[in-house]
Amino acid sequence: MPFFDPAAAEFYPRWDQVAGELVAHLRSLAGSNPYDRGLTDVVGELSTRSPEFRQLWAAHNVRWHASGVEHLRHPIVGEMELTYESMGMQADSDLALSIFTAEPGSASEDALRILAS
């Protein structure tokens, strides 16, 4: 989505940071799974269709991020700042569960409540 959807730059106020982190994370996956055909196909498609991805991939940054802060701009509730934590699944090492939370009493928490209603 960040590389193909024109709305991504609006959805991610810090698009450059998000794109860089995603590519660095993808590179870490590629390093640990060099013969994964699906992963190779995704990298190939992104490389041929997105100049931004190509440039970031060529930087060779590697990063595994399991926690952090995500800044989003939702079309209904506006900007949100969410803290996330990702955990690997013991039953399948290819899967992870990510949990996003908002600071209690914050505008982001109010926005999540609106979206949940």
N, C-alpha and C. Protein backbone atom coordinates (compact mmCIF):
# COMPACT_ATOMS: atom_id res chain seq x y z
N MET A 1 0.81 -1.20 0.00
CA MET A 1 0.00 0.00 0.00
C MET A 1 0.86 1.27 0.00
N PRO A 2 1.91 1.36 0.83
CA PRO A 2 2.66 2.61 0.84
C PRO A 2 3.31 2.97 -0.50
N PHE A 3 3.55 2.00 -1.35
CA PHE A 3 4.23 2.28 -2.60
C PHE A 3 3.30 2.35 -3.81
N PHE A 4 2.11 1.79 -3.72
CA PHE A 4 1.21 1.75 -4.88
C PHE A 4 -0.04 2.59 -4.73
N ASP A 5 -0.48 2.84 -3.52
CA ASP A 5 -1.73 3.56 -3.30
C ASP A 5 -1.45 5.06 -3.21
N PRO A 6 -2.04 5.87 -4.08
CA PRO A 6 -1.80 7.32 -4.04
C PRO A 6 -2.23 7.95 -2.72
N ALA A 7 -3.13 7.31 -1.98
CA ALA A 7 -3.60 7.86 -0.71
C ALA A 7 -2.60 7.62 0.43
N ALA A 8 -1.56 6.82 0.19
CA ALA A 8 -0.61 6.47 1.25
C ALA A 8 0.08 7.69 1.84
N ALA A 9 0.46 8.63 1.00
CA ALA A 9 1.16 9.83 1.50
C ALA A 9 0.26 10.64 2.43
N GLU A 10 -1.02 10.60 2.19
CA GLU A 10 -1.98 11.29 3.07
C GLU A 10 -2.21 10.48 4.35
N PHE A 11 -2.30 9.16 4.22
CA PHE A 11 -2.57 8.29 5.37
C PHE A 11 -1.39 8.26 6.34
N TYR A 12 -0.17 8.27 5.79
CA TYR A 12 1.04 8.26 6.61
C TYR A 12 1.67 9.65 6.57
N PRO A 13 1.42 10.49 7.57
CA PRO A 13 2.01 11.83 7.58
C PRO A 13 3.54 11.81 7.51
N ARG A 14 4.14 10.75 7.97
CA ARG A 14 5.60 10.59 7.92
C ARG A 14 5.94 9.48 6.92
N TRP A 15 5.45 9.65 5.70
CA TRP A 15 5.58 8.60 4.69
C TRP A 15 7.03 8.18 4.48
N ASP A 16 7.96 9.12 4.42
CA ASP A 16 9.37 8.79 4.18
C ASP A 16 9.90 7.84 5.25
N GLN A 17 9.57 8.11 6.50
CA GLN A 17 10.01 7.26 7.61
C GLN A 17 9.37 5.87 7.51
N VAL A 18 8.07 5.84 7.28
CA VAL A 18 7.35 4.56 7.17
C VAL A 18 7.91 3.73 6.03
N ALA A 19 8.09 4.34 4.88
CA ALA A 19 8.59 3.61 3.71
C ALA A 19 9.99 3.06 3.99
N GLY A 20 10.85 3.86 4.58
CA GLY A 20 12.20 3.40 4.89
C GLY A 20 12.21 2.24 5.87
N GLU A 21 11.35 2.32 6.90
CA GLU A 21 11.28 1.23 7.88
C GLU A 21 10.72 -0.04 7.26
N LEU A 22 9.71 0.10 6.41
CA LEU A 22 9.14 -1.08 5.77
C LEU A 22 10.15 -1.79 4.87
N VAL A 23 10.90 -1.02 4.09
CA VAL A 23 11.90 -1.62 3.20
C VAL A 23 13.02 -2.26 4.01
N ALA A 24 13.46 -1.60 5.07
CA ALA A 24 14.51 -2.18 5.92
C ALA A 24 14.03 -3.47 6.57
N HIS A 25 12.77 -3.51 6.97
CA HIS A 25 12.20 -4.72 7.55
C HIS A 25 12.10 -5.82 6.49
N LEU A 26 11.66 -5.46 5.30
CA LEU A 26 11.57 -6.42 4.20
C LEU A 26 12.95 -6.98 3.86
N ARG A 27 13.97 -6.13 3.89
CA ARG A 27 15.33 -6.59 3.61
C ARG A 27 15.78 -7.58 4.68
N SER A 28 15.40 -7.36 5.94
CA SER A 28 15.77 -8.31 7.00
C SER A 28 15.09 -9.65 6.78
N LEU A 29 13.84 -9.63 6.32
CA LEU A 29 13.14 -10.88 6.00
C LEU A 29 13.80 -11.58 4.83
N ALA A 30 14.20 -10.82 3.82
CA ALA A 30 14.85 -11.41 2.65
C ALA A 30 16.18 -12.04 3.03
N GLY A 31 16.89 -11.43 3.96
CA GLY A 31 18.16 -11.99 4.40
C GLY A 31 18.01 -13.30 5.14
N SER A 32 16.93 -13.42 5.90
CA SER A 32 16.72 -14.66 6.66
C SER A 32 15.96 -15.72 5.86
N ASN A 33 15.40 -15.33 4.71
CA ASN A 33 14.66 -16.27 3.85
C ASN A 33 15.07 -16.06 2.39
N PRO A 34 16.34 -16.28 2.04
CA PRO A 34 16.81 -15.94 0.70
C PRO A 34 16.17 -16.74 -0.44
N TYR A 35 15.57 -17.89 -0.14
CA TYR A 35 14.98 -18.73 -1.19
C TYR A 35 13.46 -18.69 -1.19
N ASP A 36 12.87 -17.73 -0.48
CA ASP A 36 11.42 -17.61 -0.41
C ASP A 36 10.90 -16.99 -1.70
N ARG A 37 10.25 -17.79 -2.53
CA ARG A 37 9.79 -17.34 -3.84
C ARG A 37 8.78 -16.19 -3.74
N GLY A 38 7.86 -16.28 -2.79
CA GLY A 38 6.86 -15.22 -2.62
C GLY A 38 7.50 -13.89 -2.27
N LEU A 39 8.48 -13.94 -1.38
CA LEU A 39 9.18 -12.73 -0.98
C LEU A 39 9.97 -12.15 -2.16
N THR A 40 10.61 -13.02 -2.92
CA THR A 40 11.34 -12.58 -4.11
C THR A 40 10.40 -11.93 -5.11
N ASP A 41 9.22 -12.49 -5.27
CA ASP A 41 8.24 -11.93 -6.20
C ASP A 41 7.79 -10.54 -5.75
N VAL A 42 7.56 -10.37 -4.45
CA VAL A 42 7.14 -9.06 -3.92
C VAL A 42 8.23 -8.02 -4.15
N VAL A 43 9.47 -8.37 -3.84
CA VAL A 43 10.58 -7.44 -4.04
C VAL A 43 10.71 -7.10 -5.53
N GLY A 44 10.54 -8.10 -6.39
CA GLY A 44 10.62 -7.85 -7.83
C GLY A 44 9.54 -6.92 -8.32
N GLU A 45 8.31 -7.15 -7.87
CA GLU A 45 7.21 -6.28 -8.29
C GLU A 45 7.41 -4.86 -7.79
N LEU A 46 7.78 -4.72 -6.51
CA LEU A 46 8.01 -3.39 -5.97
C LEU A 46 9.16 -2.69 -6.70
N SER A 47 10.20 -3.44 -7.02
CA SER A 47 11.37 -2.86 -7.71
C SER A 47 11.03 -2.36 -9.10
N THR A 48 10.16 -3.07 -9.79
CA THR A 48 9.84 -2.67 -11.16
C THR A 48 8.76 -1.59 -11.22
N ARG A 49 7.93 -1.49 -10.19
CA ARG A 49 6.81 -0.54 -10.23
C ARG A 49 6.99 0.72 -9.39
N SER A 50 7.98 0.73 -8.50
CA SER A 50 8.11 1.88 -7.61
C SER A 50 9.55 2.40 -7.56
N PRO A 51 9.79 3.59 -8.12
CA PRO A 51 11.13 4.17 -8.04
C PRO A 51 11.56 4.44 -6.59
N GLU A 52 10.59 4.80 -5.74
CA GLU A 52 10.90 5.06 -4.32
C GLU A 52 11.39 3.79 -3.65
N PHE A 53 10.69 2.66 -3.92
CA PHE A 53 11.12 1.39 -3.34
C PHE A 53 12.51 1.04 -3.85
N ARG A 54 12.74 1.18 -5.14
CA ARG A 54 14.04 0.85 -5.74
C ARG A 54 15.18 1.60 -5.04
N GLN A 55 14.96 2.88 -4.81
CA GLN A 55 15.98 3.71 -4.17
C GLN A 55 16.23 3.24 -2.73
N LEU A 56 15.16 2.97 -1.98
CA LEU A 56 15.31 2.52 -0.60
C LEU A 56 15.95 1.13 -0.53
N TRP A 57 15.55 0.24 -1.44
CA TRP A 57 16.11 -1.11 -1.46
C TRP A 57 17.61 -1.06 -1.75
N ALA A 58 18.02 -0.17 -2.63
CA ALA A 58 19.43 -0.04 -3.00
C ALA A 58 20.29 0.47 -1.84
N ALA A 59 19.68 1.10 -0.85
CA ALA A 59 20.43 1.60 0.31
C ALA A 59 20.90 0.47 1.22
N HIS A 60 20.32 -0.71 1.10
CA HIS A 60 20.71 -1.91 1.87
C HIS A 60 20.55 -1.74 3.37
N ASN A 61 19.60 -0.92 3.81
CA ASN A 61 19.34 -0.79 5.24
C ASN A 61 18.56 -2.02 5.70
N VAL A 62 18.95 -2.54 6.86
CA VAL A 62 18.29 -3.70 7.44
C VAL A 62 17.84 -3.33 8.85
N ARG A 63 16.58 -3.59 9.14
CA ARG A 63 16.07 -3.27 10.47
C ARG A 63 14.88 -4.17 10.78
N TRP A 64 14.91 -4.76 11.92
CA TRP A 64 13.78 -5.52 12.40
C TRP A 64 13.14 -4.69 13.49
N HIS A 65 11.97 -4.16 13.24
CA HIS A 65 11.32 -3.32 14.25
C HIS A 65 10.10 -4.05 14.80
N ALA A 66 10.13 -4.28 16.10
CA ALA A 66 9.04 -5.00 16.76
C ALA A 66 8.21 -4.07 17.64
N SER A 67 8.63 -2.83 17.76
CA SER A 67 7.86 -1.88 18.56
C SER A 67 8.19 -0.48 18.08
N GLY A 68 7.30 0.44 18.39
CA GLY A 68 7.52 1.82 17.99
C GLY A 68 6.25 2.63 18.05
N VAL A 69 6.27 3.76 17.37
CA VAL A 69 5.12 4.66 17.32
C VAL A 69 4.76 4.85 15.86
N GLU A 70 3.49 4.71 15.55
CA GLU A 70 2.99 4.88 14.18
C GLU A 70 2.12 6.13 14.16
N HIS A 71 2.36 6.99 13.19
CA HIS A 71 1.55 8.19 13.00
C HIS A 71 0.68 7.96 11.76
N LEU A 72 -0.62 8.07 11.94
CA LEU A 72 -1.57 7.83 10.86
C LEU A 72 -2.51 9.01 10.71
N ARG A 73 -3.02 9.21 9.51
CA ARG A 73 -4.04 10.22 9.27
C ARG A 73 -5.23 9.49 8.66
N HIS A 74 -6.21 9.18 9.49
CA HIS A 74 -7.40 8.46 9.04
C HIS A 74 -8.38 9.44 8.39
N PRO A 75 -9.02 9.03 7.29
CA PRO A 75 -9.92 9.97 6.60
C PRO A 75 -11.14 10.39 7.42
N ILE A 76 -11.50 9.63 8.43
CA ILE A 76 -12.69 9.97 9.23
C ILE A 76 -12.32 10.70 10.52
N VAL A 77 -11.32 10.19 11.25
CA VAL A 77 -11.02 10.73 12.58
C VAL A 77 -9.76 11.58 12.63
N GLY A 78 -9.06 11.69 11.51
CA GLY A 78 -7.88 12.55 11.48
C GLY A 78 -6.62 11.86 11.99
N GLU A 79 -5.70 12.67 12.50
CA GLU A 79 -4.39 12.15 12.90
C GLU A 79 -4.46 11.37 14.20
N MET A 80 -3.70 10.27 14.21
CA MET A 80 -3.59 9.43 15.39
C MET A 80 -2.13 9.07 15.60
N GLU A 81 -1.75 8.97 16.85
CA GLU A 81 -0.42 8.49 17.23
C GLU A 81 -0.63 7.22 18.04
N LEU A 82 -0.19 6.10 17.50
CA LEU A 82 -0.41 4.81 18.13
C LEU A 82 0.91 4.12 18.42
N THR A 83 1.03 3.58 19.61
CA THR A 83 2.19 2.78 19.97
C THR A 83 1.90 1.35 19.56
N TYR A 84 2.91 0.66 19.01
CA TYR A 84 2.68 -0.72 18.60
C TYR A 84 3.76 -1.64 19.14
N GLU A 85 3.38 -2.90 19.27
CA GLU A 85 4.28 -3.97 19.70
C GLU A 85 3.93 -5.18 18.85
N SER A 86 4.92 -5.80 18.23
CA SER A 86 4.70 -6.99 17.42
C SER A 86 5.34 -8.18 18.10
N MET A 87 4.63 -9.30 18.05
CA MET A 87 5.12 -10.53 18.67
C MET A 87 5.03 -11.67 17.68
N GLY A 88 6.09 -12.44 17.60
CA GLY A 88 6.08 -13.62 16.74
C GLY A 88 5.16 -14.69 17.30
N MET A 89 4.62 -15.48 16.42
CA MET A 89 3.71 -16.55 16.83
C MET A 89 4.51 -17.86 16.93
N GLN A 90 4.41 -18.54 18.05
CA GLN A 90 5.15 -19.78 18.23
C GLN A 90 4.70 -20.87 17.27
N ALA A 91 3.42 -20.89 16.93
CA ALA A 91 2.89 -21.94 16.06
C ALA A 91 3.36 -21.79 14.62
N ASP A 92 3.70 -20.58 14.21
CA ASP A 92 4.15 -20.35 12.85
C ASP A 92 5.10 -19.16 12.85
N SER A 93 6.36 -19.41 12.64
CA SER A 93 7.36 -18.34 12.74
C SER A 93 7.22 -17.30 11.64
N ASP A 94 6.42 -17.58 10.61
CA ASP A 94 6.19 -16.60 9.55
C ASP A 94 5.10 -15.59 9.91
N LEU A 95 4.42 -15.80 11.02
CA LEU A 95 3.33 -14.91 11.43
C LEU A 95 3.72 -14.08 12.64
N ALA A 96 3.13 -12.90 12.71
CA ALA A 96 3.33 -12.02 13.87
C ALA A 96 2.00 -11.35 14.19
N LEU A 97 1.82 -11.04 15.44
CA LEU A 97 0.65 -10.32 15.89
C LEU A 97 1.11 -8.94 16.32
N SER A 98 0.48 -7.90 15.79
CA SER A 98 0.83 -6.53 16.16
C SER A 98 -0.34 -5.92 16.91
N ILE A 99 -0.02 -5.28 18.02
CA ILE A 99 -1.04 -4.63 18.85
C ILE A 99 -0.76 -3.14 18.86
N PHE A 100 -1.78 -2.36 18.53
CA PHE A 100 -1.67 -0.91 18.51
C PHE A 100 -2.50 -0.34 19.65
N THR A 101 -1.93 0.60 20.39
CA THR A 101 -2.64 1.23 21.50
C THR A 101 -2.45 2.74 21.44
N ALA A 102 -3.37 3.43 22.08
CA ALA A 102 -3.28 4.89 22.17
C ALA A 102 -3.08 5.27 23.63
N GLU A 103 -2.43 6.38 23.84
CA GLU A 103 -2.23 6.90 25.19
C GLU A 103 -3.60 7.17 25.82
N PRO A 104 -3.85 6.65 27.04
CA PRO A 104 -5.14 6.90 27.70
C PRO A 104 -5.41 8.40 27.83
N GLY A 105 -6.64 8.77 27.49
CA GLY A 105 -7.06 10.16 27.59
C GLY A 105 -6.62 11.04 26.43
N SER A 106 -5.97 10.46 25.46
CA SER A 106 -5.47 11.25 24.33
C SER A 106 -6.52 11.38 23.23
N ALA A 107 -6.28 12.29 22.31
CA ALA A 107 -7.14 12.44 21.14
C ALA A 107 -7.10 11.17 20.29
N SER A 108 -5.96 10.48 20.29
CA SER A 108 -5.86 9.22 19.55
C SER A 108 -6.76 8.14 20.15
N GLU A 109 -6.84 8.11 21.48
CA GLU A 109 -7.75 7.15 22.11
C GLU A 109 -9.20 7.47 21.72
N ASP A 110 -9.55 8.75 21.73
CA ASP A 110 -10.90 9.15 21.33
C ASP A 110 -11.16 8.73 19.88
N ALA A 111 -10.18 8.90 19.02
CA ALA A 111 -10.34 8.52 17.61
C ALA A 111 -10.55 7.01 17.47
N LEU A 112 -9.81 6.22 18.23
CA LEU A 112 -9.99 4.76 18.18
C LEU A 112 -11.38 4.37 18.67
N ARG A 113 -11.87 5.04 19.69
CA ARG A 113 -13.22 4.74 20.19
C ARG A 113 -14.28 5.06 19.13
N ILE A 114 -14.09 6.15 18.41
CA ILE A 114 -15.02 6.50 17.34
C ILE A 114 -14.99 5.44 16.26
N LEU A 115 -13.81 5.00 15.87
CA LEU A 115 -13.69 3.98 14.83
C LEU A 115 -14.28 2.64 15.27
N ALA A 116 -14.19 2.34 16.57
CA ALA A 116 -14.73 1.08 17.08
C ALA A 116 -16.24 1.10 17.22
N SER A 117 -16.84 2.28 17.23
CA SER A 117 -18.30 2.37 17.45
C SER A 117 -19.10 2.10 16.20
